[in-house]
Amino acid sequence: MALKTIAAMVDDQKNCLDIIIDTTGNLIVKILTVHGKFIKTIKESFEEEEGVVSVSLNDLSSGNYVANVFKDNSFLSSFHFNKN
């Protein structure tokens, strides 16, 4: 199924980045600093058309980051976020 919606938000209470997606398949989230330094990769597989990937931010220092989101190795979107 084709992607219709993708959104992201930082949940300060859970200290995580929630990425909401409405498609099936393999999702890859790559976290980088705003300067391009690679931090980590998260891989999730979705069989239902709606899902949430929660990326823990506990291991990140305070600062600005970028989350690049891929589906089945195709780029979908990029989100900038701030970790307090």
Protein backbone atom coordinates (compact mmCIF):
# COMPACT_ATOMS: atom_id res chain seq x y z
CA MET A 1 0.00 0.00 0.00
CA ALA A 2 1.20 3.51 -0.78
CA LEU A 3 2.17 5.90 1.96
CA LYS A 4 -0.44 8.55 2.74
CA THR A 5 0.73 10.01 6.02
CA ILE A 6 3.91 10.15 8.02
CA ALA A 7 4.40 12.32 11.09
CA ALA A 8 6.79 12.57 14.00
CA MET A 9 6.74 14.13 17.43
CA VAL A 10 8.97 14.11 20.49
CA ASP A 11 7.29 12.77 23.62
CA ASP A 12 9.20 14.46 26.46
CA GLN A 13 7.45 12.39 29.13
CA LYS A 14 8.50 9.06 27.60
CA ASN A 15 11.76 10.56 26.28
CA CYS A 16 11.20 9.17 22.80
CA LEU A 17 10.52 10.18 19.20
CA ASP A 18 7.22 8.72 17.95
CA ILE A 19 6.95 8.25 14.17
CA ILE A 20 3.42 7.56 12.95
CA ILE A 21 3.09 5.86 9.57
CA ASP A 22 0.14 4.45 7.62
CA THR A 23 1.71 1.84 5.38
CA THR A 24 2.92 -1.75 5.57
CA GLY A 25 6.45 -2.98 5.03
CA ASN A 26 9.89 -2.59 6.53
CA LEU A 27 10.64 0.75 8.11
CA ILE A 28 14.16 1.99 8.86
CA VAL A 29 14.83 5.10 10.97
CA LYS A 30 18.34 6.53 10.97
CA ILE A 31 19.20 9.11 13.64
CA LEU A 32 21.98 11.62 12.92
CA THR A 33 23.22 14.85 14.46
CA VAL A 34 22.43 17.99 12.47
CA HIS A 35 26.10 17.90 11.45
CA GLY A 36 25.63 14.49 9.81
CA LYS A 37 27.25 12.25 12.43
CA PHE A 38 25.50 8.86 12.48
CA ILE A 39 24.00 7.93 15.87
CA LYS A 40 21.84 4.79 15.42
CA THR A 41 19.46 2.80 13.22
CA ILE A 42 16.07 1.37 14.21
CA LYS A 43 14.34 -1.27 12.06
CA GLU A 44 10.64 -2.15 12.34
CA SER A 45 8.31 -4.28 10.23
CA PHE A 46 4.61 -3.46 9.83
CA GLU A 47 1.92 -5.84 8.63
CA GLU A 48 -0.94 -3.50 9.46
CA GLU A 49 -1.57 -0.23 7.65
CA GLU A 50 -1.06 1.96 10.69
CA GLY A 51 1.77 1.89 13.17
CA VAL A 52 3.99 3.85 15.49
CA VAL A 53 7.74 3.51 15.84
CA SER A 54 8.95 4.80 19.20
CA VAL A 55 12.65 5.66 19.14
CA SER A 56 14.21 5.95 22.60
CA LEU A 57 16.12 9.18 23.13
CA ASN A 58 17.65 8.13 26.45
CA ASP A 59 21.07 7.55 24.91
CA LEU A 60 21.22 10.96 23.19
CA SER A 61 22.76 14.10 24.65
CA SER A 62 20.76 17.31 24.58
CA GLY A 63 20.84 18.88 21.13
CA ASN A 64 19.41 18.94 17.64
CA TYR A 65 19.02 15.79 15.56
CA VAL A 66 17.65 14.49 12.27
CA ALA A 67 15.58 11.34 11.78
CA ASN A 68 15.69 9.97 8.23
CA VAL A 69 12.89 7.49 7.52
CA PHE A 70 13.07 4.80 4.83
CA LYS A 71 10.55 2.16 3.71
CA ASP A 72 11.96 -0.94 2.03
CA ASN A 73 15.21 1.00 1.35
CA SER A 74 13.42 3.96 -0.29
CA PHE A 75 13.68 7.38 1.38
CA LEU A 76 10.35 8.65 2.76
CA SER A 77 10.96 11.67 4.92
CA SER A 78 13.29 13.58 7.18
CA PHE A 79 12.41 15.14 10.55
CA HIS A 80 14.44 17.58 12.62
CA PHE A 81 13.91 17.34 16.36
CA ASN A 82 15.35 18.67 19.59
CA LYS A 83 16.33 16.49 22.55
CA ASN A 84 16.12 18.44 25.83
